[in-house]
Amino acid sequence: MDLCKDRGRRLFGHPLHPALVHFPVALLSISLLWDITGMMVNGPFWPRMSLWCIIAGLVTALPAAATGMSDYVLIGNKHPGLHTATTHMIVMFGALSFYTASLFFRLRITVSSRHAMLVPILLSLPGFVLILIGGWLGGELVLRYGIGTTAGRDDEE
């Protein structure tokens, strides 16, 4: 394991956070498609698929959030991307909060029906929108400000 000089944020020379976000973003996002499919078909398979995608998405979000936080604390106070990084963090934690609430309601459902799934789906919708916004902000951090790249100025104060 090759951890570079920038305080453990890299593995074999590659930043960890961008590598870890793909699973939670994909799993949480696709859960909404399974919910919509379940609403159209009205069977137990698709809501269950959505439930497991949300569980897996939230579990894989833990290391993604941890590495993102480790990147965030290393951004200098005067770095031009600090505000965007703060907004990205808040938006993504908001998305995870909506999906966590959706999971809580899903676990309390005893009967699989369109009506029972309404609240969990309505909680997943803003979570999905926030993931889209947070992903865009994450792209801004990398592409505009170079955070997580060797060209980035993470340590500027």
N, C-alpha and C. Protein backbone atom coordinates (compact mmCIF):
# COMPACT_ATOMS: atom_id res chain seq x y z
N MET A 1 0.85 -1.18 0.00
CA MET A 1 0.00 0.00 0.00
C MET A 1 0.89 1.23 0.00
N ASP A 2 0.81 2.01 -1.03
CA ASP A 2 1.64 3.19 -1.21
C ASP A 2 0.85 4.45 -0.87
N LEU A 3 1.01 4.91 0.36
CA LEU A 3 0.35 6.15 0.74
C LEU A 3 1.34 7.28 0.53
N CYS A 4 0.95 8.26 -0.25
CA CYS A 4 1.86 9.33 -0.64
C CYS A 4 1.98 10.39 0.43
N LYS A 5 2.78 11.39 0.14
CA LYS A 5 3.11 12.44 1.09
C LYS A 5 1.93 13.30 1.51
N ASP A 6 0.82 13.28 0.78
CA ASP A 6 -0.27 14.17 1.13
C ASP A 6 -1.19 13.56 2.17
N ARG A 7 -0.59 13.08 3.22
CA ARG A 7 -1.25 12.68 4.46
C ARG A 7 -2.28 11.57 4.29
N GLY A 8 -1.97 10.57 3.49
CA GLY A 8 -2.79 9.39 3.42
C GLY A 8 -4.03 9.47 2.54
N ARG A 9 -4.13 10.48 1.68
CA ARG A 9 -5.32 10.62 0.85
C ARG A 9 -5.18 9.90 -0.48
N ARG A 10 -4.09 9.22 -0.69
CA ARG A 10 -3.85 8.56 -1.97
C ARG A 10 -3.45 7.11 -1.75
N LEU A 11 -3.82 6.30 -2.72
CA LEU A 11 -3.45 4.90 -2.72
C LEU A 11 -2.84 4.61 -4.07
N PHE A 12 -1.58 4.20 -4.06
CA PHE A 12 -0.84 3.96 -5.30
C PHE A 12 -0.83 5.20 -6.19
N GLY A 13 -0.79 6.36 -5.58
CA GLY A 13 -0.71 7.61 -6.31
C GLY A 13 -2.04 8.18 -6.78
N HIS A 14 -3.14 7.50 -6.48
CA HIS A 14 -4.46 7.95 -6.92
C HIS A 14 -5.28 8.43 -5.73
N PRO A 15 -6.03 9.51 -5.91
CA PRO A 15 -6.88 9.99 -4.82
C PRO A 15 -7.98 8.96 -4.51
N LEU A 16 -8.29 8.78 -3.23
CA LEU A 16 -9.26 7.77 -2.82
C LEU A 16 -10.72 8.20 -2.97
N HIS A 17 -11.03 9.43 -2.60
CA HIS A 17 -12.43 9.84 -2.59
C HIS A 17 -13.10 9.70 -3.96
N PRO A 18 -12.52 10.21 -5.04
CA PRO A 18 -13.19 10.05 -6.35
C PRO A 18 -13.35 8.58 -6.74
N ALA A 19 -12.46 7.72 -6.29
CA ALA A 19 -12.57 6.31 -6.63
C ALA A 19 -13.69 5.62 -5.85
N LEU A 20 -14.00 6.12 -4.67
CA LEU A 20 -14.98 5.46 -3.80
C LEU A 20 -16.41 5.95 -3.97
N VAL A 21 -16.61 7.08 -4.62
CA VAL A 21 -17.97 7.64 -4.70
C VAL A 21 -18.85 6.96 -5.73
N HIS A 22 -18.28 6.23 -6.66
CA HIS A 22 -19.07 5.65 -7.74
C HIS A 22 -20.12 4.65 -7.26
N PHE A 23 -19.74 3.82 -6.30
CA PHE A 23 -20.70 2.82 -5.81
C PHE A 23 -21.90 3.45 -5.10
N PRO A 24 -21.70 4.32 -4.11
CA PRO A 24 -22.89 4.90 -3.48
C PRO A 24 -23.73 5.73 -4.43
N VAL A 25 -23.10 6.48 -5.31
CA VAL A 25 -23.87 7.29 -6.26
C VAL A 25 -24.70 6.39 -7.16
N ALA A 26 -24.10 5.35 -7.70
CA ALA A 26 -24.82 4.45 -8.60
C ALA A 26 -25.91 3.68 -7.87
N LEU A 27 -25.59 3.12 -6.72
CA LEU A 27 -26.57 2.30 -5.99
C LEU A 27 -27.75 3.12 -5.51
N LEU A 28 -27.48 4.29 -4.95
CA LEU A 28 -28.58 5.12 -4.45
C LEU A 28 -29.43 5.65 -5.61
N SER A 29 -28.77 6.04 -6.68
CA SER A 29 -29.50 6.57 -7.83
C SER A 29 -30.37 5.51 -8.49
N ILE A 30 -29.83 4.31 -8.68
CA ILE A 30 -30.59 3.26 -9.37
C ILE A 30 -31.77 2.79 -8.53
N SER A 31 -31.71 2.99 -7.23
CA SER A 31 -32.83 2.57 -6.38
C SER A 31 -34.12 3.28 -6.78
N LEU A 32 -34.00 4.51 -7.22
CA LEU A 32 -35.20 5.25 -7.66
C LEU A 32 -35.81 4.62 -8.91
N LEU A 33 -34.97 4.15 -9.83
CA LEU A 33 -35.48 3.45 -11.02
C LEU A 33 -36.22 2.18 -10.61
N TRP A 34 -35.66 1.45 -9.65
CA TRP A 34 -36.33 0.22 -9.19
C TRP A 34 -37.66 0.57 -8.52
N ASP A 35 -37.70 1.70 -7.79
CA ASP A 35 -38.96 2.12 -7.17
C ASP A 35 -40.01 2.45 -8.22
N ILE A 36 -39.61 3.17 -9.24
CA ILE A 36 -40.55 3.53 -10.32
C ILE A 36 -41.03 2.27 -11.03
N THR A 37 -40.12 1.35 -11.29
CA THR A 37 -40.49 0.07 -11.90
C THR A 37 -41.47 -0.67 -11.00
N GLY A 38 -41.21 -0.68 -9.71
CA GLY A 38 -42.10 -1.34 -8.77
C GLY A 38 -43.47 -0.71 -8.72
N MET A 39 -43.53 0.61 -8.88
CA MET A 39 -44.83 1.29 -8.90
C MET A 39 -45.62 0.89 -10.16
N MET A 40 -44.93 0.68 -11.24
CA MET A 40 -45.60 0.32 -12.50
C MET A 40 -46.03 -1.15 -12.50
N VAL A 41 -45.19 -2.02 -11.95
CA VAL A 41 -45.46 -3.45 -11.98
C VAL A 41 -46.26 -3.90 -10.76
N ASN A 42 -46.09 -3.22 -9.64
CA ASN A 42 -46.76 -3.52 -8.37
C ASN A 42 -46.48 -4.93 -7.88
N GLY A 43 -45.20 -5.29 -7.82
CA GLY A 43 -44.80 -6.57 -7.27
C GLY A 43 -43.76 -6.37 -6.19
N PRO A 44 -43.46 -7.39 -5.41
CA PRO A 44 -42.52 -7.25 -4.30
C PRO A 44 -41.04 -7.22 -4.69
N PHE A 45 -40.72 -7.69 -5.90
CA PHE A 45 -39.31 -7.79 -6.28
C PHE A 45 -38.62 -6.43 -6.36
N TRP A 46 -39.21 -5.47 -7.07
CA TRP A 46 -38.55 -4.20 -7.33
C TRP A 46 -38.38 -3.35 -6.07
N PRO A 47 -39.36 -3.26 -5.18
CA PRO A 47 -39.12 -2.54 -3.93
C PRO A 47 -38.01 -3.19 -3.09
N ARG A 48 -37.94 -4.52 -3.13
CA ARG A 48 -36.88 -5.22 -2.39
C ARG A 48 -35.51 -4.91 -3.02
N MET A 49 -35.48 -4.89 -4.35
CA MET A 49 -34.23 -4.55 -5.05
C MET A 49 -33.80 -3.13 -4.67
N SER A 50 -34.75 -2.22 -4.63
CA SER A 50 -34.47 -0.84 -4.25
C SER A 50 -33.95 -0.77 -2.82
N LEU A 51 -34.58 -1.52 -1.92
CA LEU A 51 -34.16 -1.55 -0.52
C LEU A 51 -32.70 -1.98 -0.40
N TRP A 52 -32.33 -3.06 -1.08
CA TRP A 52 -30.96 -3.55 -0.99
C TRP A 52 -29.96 -2.60 -1.65
N CYS A 53 -30.38 -1.91 -2.70
CA CYS A 53 -29.50 -0.91 -3.31
C CYS A 53 -29.27 0.25 -2.35
N ILE A 54 -30.30 0.66 -1.63
CA ILE A 54 -30.14 1.75 -0.67
C ILE A 54 -29.24 1.31 0.47
N ILE A 55 -29.43 0.11 0.97
CA ILE A 55 -28.56 -0.39 2.05
C ILE A 55 -27.11 -0.42 1.58
N ALA A 56 -26.88 -1.02 0.41
CA ALA A 56 -25.51 -1.10 -0.12
C ALA A 56 -24.95 0.28 -0.40
N GLY A 57 -25.80 1.19 -0.92
CA GLY A 57 -25.35 2.55 -1.20
C GLY A 57 -24.94 3.29 0.06
N LEU A 58 -25.72 3.14 1.12
CA LEU A 58 -25.38 3.82 2.37
C LEU A 58 -24.13 3.22 3.02
N VAL A 59 -23.98 1.90 2.91
CA VAL A 59 -22.77 1.26 3.47
C VAL A 59 -21.54 1.71 2.70
N THR A 60 -21.62 1.75 1.38
CA THR A 60 -20.46 2.16 0.59
C THR A 60 -20.22 3.67 0.67
N ALA A 61 -21.22 4.41 1.12
CA ALA A 61 -21.05 5.86 1.31
C ALA A 61 -20.15 6.17 2.50
N LEU A 62 -20.05 5.25 3.45
CA LEU A 62 -19.22 5.51 4.64
C LEU A 62 -17.75 5.76 4.31
N PRO A 63 -17.09 4.85 3.57
CA PRO A 63 -15.70 5.16 3.22
C PRO A 63 -15.58 6.33 2.26
N ALA A 64 -16.56 6.52 1.39
CA ALA A 64 -16.53 7.67 0.47
C ALA A 64 -16.60 8.97 1.27
N ALA A 65 -17.49 9.02 2.25
CA ALA A 65 -17.62 10.22 3.09
C ALA A 65 -16.37 10.43 3.94
N ALA A 66 -15.81 9.35 4.46
CA ALA A 66 -14.61 9.47 5.29
C ALA A 66 -13.43 10.03 4.50
N THR A 67 -13.23 9.53 3.29
CA THR A 67 -12.12 10.03 2.48
C THR A 67 -12.40 11.44 1.99
N GLY A 68 -13.66 11.74 1.71
CA GLY A 68 -14.03 13.11 1.34
C GLY A 68 -13.77 14.08 2.47
N MET A 69 -14.08 13.66 3.69
CA MET A 69 -13.84 14.51 4.86
C MET A 69 -12.34 14.71 5.07
N SER A 70 -11.56 13.67 4.83
CA SER A 70 -10.11 13.83 4.99
C SER A 70 -9.54 14.79 3.95
N ASP A 71 -10.11 14.79 2.76
CA ASP A 71 -9.70 15.77 1.74
C ASP A 71 -10.14 17.17 2.16
N TYR A 72 -11.35 17.26 2.67
CA TYR A 72 -11.93 18.56 3.03
C TYR A 72 -11.11 19.27 4.12
N VAL A 73 -10.71 18.53 5.14
CA VAL A 73 -9.99 19.19 6.25
C VAL A 73 -8.61 19.68 5.83
N LEU A 74 -8.11 19.20 4.70
CA LEU A 74 -6.80 19.63 4.23
C LEU A 74 -6.86 20.83 3.29
N ILE A 75 -8.06 21.29 2.96
CA ILE A 75 -8.19 22.45 2.08
C ILE A 75 -7.89 23.70 2.91
N GLY A 76 -7.02 24.53 2.40
CA GLY A 76 -6.65 25.75 3.11
C GLY A 76 -7.81 26.72 3.24
N ASN A 77 -7.78 27.53 4.28
CA ASN A 77 -8.86 28.49 4.54
C ASN A 77 -9.07 29.50 3.43
N LYS A 78 -8.02 29.80 2.67
CA LYS A 78 -8.14 30.79 1.60
C LYS A 78 -8.21 30.15 0.21
N HIS A 79 -8.36 28.86 0.19
CA HIS A 79 -8.45 28.16 -1.10
C HIS A 79 -9.73 28.60 -1.81
N PRO A 80 -9.65 28.91 -3.11
CA PRO A 80 -10.84 29.38 -3.84
C PRO A 80 -11.96 28.35 -3.94
N GLY A 81 -11.66 27.08 -3.74
CA GLY A 81 -12.68 26.04 -3.83
C GLY A 81 -13.30 25.66 -2.49
N LEU A 82 -12.92 26.34 -1.42
CA LEU A 82 -13.41 25.96 -0.09
C LEU A 82 -14.93 26.07 0.02
N HIS A 83 -15.50 27.13 -0.50
CA HIS A 83 -16.96 27.30 -0.43
C HIS A 83 -17.68 26.19 -1.21
N THR A 84 -17.17 25.87 -2.38
CA THR A 84 -17.76 24.80 -3.19
C THR A 84 -17.62 23.46 -2.47
N ALA A 85 -16.47 23.23 -1.83
CA ALA A 85 -16.26 21.99 -1.09
C ALA A 85 -17.22 21.89 0.09
N THR A 86 -17.44 22.99 0.77
CA THR A 86 -18.37 23.00 1.90
C THR A 86 -19.79 22.72 1.41
N THR A 87 -20.17 23.36 0.32
CA THR A 87 -21.50 23.14 -0.25
C THR A 87 -21.66 21.69 -0.70
N HIS A 88 -20.64 21.14 -1.35
CA HIS A 88 -20.65 19.75 -1.79
C HIS A 88 -20.88 18.82 -0.60
N MET A 89 -20.16 19.06 0.48
CA MET A 89 -20.27 18.21 1.67
C MET A 89 -21.69 18.28 2.26
N ILE A 90 -22.22 19.48 2.39
CA ILE A 90 -23.56 19.65 2.97
C ILE A 90 -24.62 18.99 2.08
N VAL A 91 -24.51 19.19 0.79
CA VAL A 91 -25.48 18.61 -0.15
C VAL A 91 -25.43 17.09 -0.10
N MET A 92 -24.24 16.52 -0.08
CA MET A 92 -24.13 15.06 -0.07
C MET A 92 -24.62 14.47 1.26
N PHE A 93 -24.33 15.13 2.37
CA PHE A 93 -24.86 14.65 3.65
C PHE A 93 -26.38 14.78 3.67
N GLY A 94 -26.91 15.80 3.02
CA GLY A 94 -28.36 15.93 2.88
C GLY A 94 -28.94 14.78 2.09
N ALA A 95 -28.29 14.43 0.99
CA ALA A 95 -28.76 13.30 0.17
C ALA A 95 -28.75 12.01 0.98
N LEU A 96 -27.67 11.79 1.71
CA LEU A 96 -27.59 10.57 2.54
C LEU A 96 -28.66 10.57 3.62
N SER A 97 -28.98 11.74 4.13
CA SER A 97 -30.04 11.84 5.15
C SER A 97 -31.40 11.45 4.58
N PHE A 98 -31.71 11.92 3.38
CA PHE A 98 -32.97 11.55 2.75
C PHE A 98 -33.04 10.05 2.48
N TYR A 99 -31.94 9.47 1.98
CA TYR A 99 -31.94 8.03 1.71
C TYR A 99 -32.01 7.23 3.00
N THR A 100 -31.38 7.71 4.07
CA THR A 100 -31.47 7.03 5.36
C THR A 100 -32.90 7.06 5.87
N ALA A 101 -33.58 8.20 5.75
CA ALA A 101 -34.98 8.29 6.16
C ALA A 101 -35.84 7.36 5.31
N SER A 102 -35.56 7.31 4.01
CA SER A 102 -36.29 6.41 3.12
C SER A 102 -36.10 4.96 3.57
N LEU A 103 -34.87 4.61 3.92
CA LEU A 103 -34.58 3.26 4.39
C LEU A 103 -35.36 2.96 5.67
N PHE A 104 -35.39 3.91 6.59
CA PHE A 104 -36.12 3.72 7.84
C PHE A 104 -37.59 3.39 7.56
N PHE A 105 -38.22 4.15 6.69
CA PHE A 105 -39.63 3.90 6.37
C PHE A 105 -39.81 2.57 5.63
N ARG A 106 -38.88 2.22 4.76
CA ARG A 106 -38.98 0.96 4.03
C ARG A 106 -38.93 -0.23 4.99
N LEU A 107 -38.08 -0.12 6.00
CA LEU A 107 -37.94 -1.23 6.95
C LEU A 107 -39.19 -1.41 7.81
N ARG A 108 -39.99 -0.38 7.89
CA ARG A 108 -41.22 -0.45 8.70
C ARG A 108 -42.42 -0.93 7.89
N ILE A 109 -42.27 -1.04 6.58
CA ILE A 109 -43.38 -1.48 5.72
C ILE A 109 -43.55 -2.98 5.85
N THR A 110 -44.78 -3.40 6.13
CA THR A 110 -45.05 -4.84 6.25
C THR A 110 -45.75 -5.39 5.01
N VAL A 111 -46.42 -4.54 4.26
CA VAL A 111 -47.14 -4.98 3.07
C VAL A 111 -46.58 -4.22 1.87
N SER A 112 -46.21 -4.95 0.82
CA SER A 112 -45.70 -4.31 -0.38
C SER A 112 -46.87 -3.86 -1.25
N SER A 113 -47.06 -2.55 -1.29
CA SER A 113 -48.10 -2.00 -2.15
C SER A 113 -47.65 -0.63 -2.62
N ARG A 114 -48.30 -0.14 -3.65
CA ARG A 114 -47.97 1.20 -4.18
C ARG A 114 -48.17 2.25 -3.10
N HIS A 115 -49.25 2.14 -2.36
CA HIS A 115 -49.57 3.12 -1.33
C HIS A 115 -48.51 3.12 -0.22
N ALA A 116 -48.08 1.93 0.20
CA ALA A 116 -47.09 1.83 1.27
C ALA A 116 -45.74 2.40 0.86
N MET A 117 -45.43 2.34 -0.42
CA MET A 117 -44.13 2.80 -0.90
C MET A 117 -44.07 4.29 -1.19
N LEU A 118 -45.18 4.98 -1.08
CA LEU A 118 -45.22 6.39 -1.45
C LEU A 118 -44.26 7.25 -0.62
N VAL A 119 -44.29 7.12 0.69
CA VAL A 119 -43.42 7.94 1.55
C VAL A 119 -41.94 7.64 1.29
N PRO A 120 -41.52 6.37 1.26
CA PRO A 120 -40.10 6.11 0.97
C PRO A 120 -39.65 6.66 -0.38
N ILE A 121 -40.51 6.57 -1.38
CA ILE A 121 -40.14 7.09 -2.70
C ILE A 121 -40.06 8.61 -2.66
N LEU A 122 -41.01 9.24 -1.98
CA LEU A 122 -40.97 10.71 -1.87
C LEU A 122 -39.75 11.19 -1.09
N LEU A 123 -39.21 10.36 -0.22
CA LEU A 123 -37.96 10.71 0.47
C LEU A 123 -36.74 10.45 -0.42
N SER A 124 -36.82 9.47 -1.28
CA SER A 124 -35.70 9.18 -2.19
C SER A 124 -35.56 10.23 -3.29
N LEU A 125 -36.67 10.81 -3.72
CA LEU A 125 -36.62 11.80 -4.80
C LEU A 125 -35.71 12.98 -4.49
N PRO A 126 -35.87 13.67 -3.35
CA PRO A 126 -34.93 14.77 -3.08
C PRO A 126 -33.51 14.27 -2.85
N GLY A 127 -33.38 13.04 -2.34
CA GLY A 127 -32.04 12.47 -2.19
C GLY A 127 -31.37 12.32 -3.54
N PHE A 128 -32.12 11.86 -4.53
CA PHE A 128 -31.59 11.71 -5.88
C PHE A 128 -31.19 13.06 -6.47
N VAL A 129 -32.06 14.06 -6.31
CA VAL A 129 -31.75 15.40 -6.83
C VAL A 129 -30.49 15.95 -6.16
N LEU A 130 -30.38 15.74 -4.85
CA LEU A 130 -29.19 16.22 -4.14
C LEU A 130 -27.93 15.49 -4.59
N ILE A 131 -28.04 14.20 -4.90
CA ILE A 131 -26.88 13.46 -5.43
C ILE A 131 -26.43 14.06 -6.76
N LEU A 132 -27.39 14.42 -7.61
CA LEU A 132 -27.03 15.04 -8.89
C LEU A 132 -26.30 16.36 -8.66
N ILE A 133 -26.82 17.18 -7.77
CA ILE A 133 -26.20 18.48 -7.47
C ILE A 133 -24.83 18.27 -6.83
N GLY A 134 -24.76 17.36 -5.86
CA GLY A 134 -23.49 17.09 -5.19
C GLY A 134 -22.44 16.53 -6.12
N GLY A 135 -22.86 15.67 -7.05
CA GLY A 135 -21.92 15.14 -8.04
C GLY A 135 -21.38 16.23 -8.94
N TRP A 136 -22.26 17.13 -9.34
CA TRP A 136 -21.82 18.26 -10.17
C TRP A 136 -20.81 19.12 -9.40
N LEU A 137 -21.11 19.39 -8.12
CA LEU A 137 -20.18 20.17 -7.30
C LEU A 137 -18.85 19.45 -7.12
N GLY A 138 -18.90 18.13 -6.97
CA GLY A 138 -17.67 17.34 -6.87
C GLY A 138 -16.84 17.46 -8.13
N GLY A 139 -17.51 17.44 -9.27
CA GLY A 139 -16.80 17.64 -10.54
C GLY A 139 -16.17 19.02 -10.61
N GLU A 140 -16.87 20.02 -10.12
CA GLU A 140 -16.31 21.38 -10.06
C GLU A 140 -15.03 21.40 -9.21
N LEU A 141 -15.05 20.69 -8.10
CA LEU A 141 -13.88 20.68 -7.21
C LEU A 141 -12.66 20.10 -7.92
N VAL A 142 -12.87 19.07 -8.68
CA VAL A 142 -11.75 18.43 -9.38
C VAL A 142 -11.36 19.22 -10.62
N LEU A 143 -12.35 19.54 -11.45
CA LEU A 143 -12.04 20.14 -12.75
C LEU A 143 -11.70 21.62 -12.68
N ARG A 144 -12.40 22.36 -11.86
CA ARG A 144 -12.15 23.80 -11.78
C ARG A 144 -11.05 24.16 -10.79
N TYR A 145 -11.08 23.48 -9.62
CA TYR A 145 -10.15 23.85 -8.55
C TYR A 145 -8.99 22.87 -8.39
N GLY A 146 -9.02 21.75 -9.07
CA GLY A 146 -7.92 20.80 -9.02
C GLY A 146 -7.79 20.08 -7.69
N ILE A 147 -8.83 20.07 -6.89
CA ILE A 147 -8.76 19.39 -5.59
C ILE A 147 -8.70 17.89 -5.83
N GLY A 148 -7.78 17.24 -5.17
CA GLY A 148 -7.58 15.82 -5.35
C GLY A 148 -6.65 15.46 -6.49
N THR A 149 -6.14 16.47 -7.18
CA THR A 149 -5.20 16.21 -8.28
C THR A 149 -3.83 16.74 -7.88
N THR A 150 -2.83 16.36 -8.62
CA THR A 150 -1.50 16.86 -8.31
C THR A 150 -1.38 18.33 -8.69
N ALA A 151 -2.29 18.80 -9.54
CA ALA A 151 -2.28 20.22 -9.92
C ALA A 151 -3.03 21.08 -8.91
N GLY A 152 -3.78 20.42 -8.01
CA GLY A 152 -4.60 21.16 -7.04
C GLY A 152 -3.75 21.91 -6.02
N ARG A 153 -4.38 22.93 -5.48
CA ARG A 153 -3.70 23.74 -4.49
C ARG A 153 -4.37 23.51 -3.14
N ASP A 154 -4.51 22.23 -2.72
CA ASP A 154 -5.24 21.87 -1.50
C ASP A 154 -4.68 22.56 -0.26
N ASP A 155 -3.37 22.75 -0.22
CA ASP A 155 -2.74 23.22 0.99
C ASP A 155 -2.59 24.74 1.05
N GLU A 156 -3.16 25.46 0.10
CA GLU A 156 -3.07 26.92 0.13
C GLU A 156 -3.81 27.45 1.33
N GLU A 157 -3.26 28.43 1.95
CA GLU A 157 -3.94 29.06 3.08
C GLU A 157 -4.18 30.45 2.71
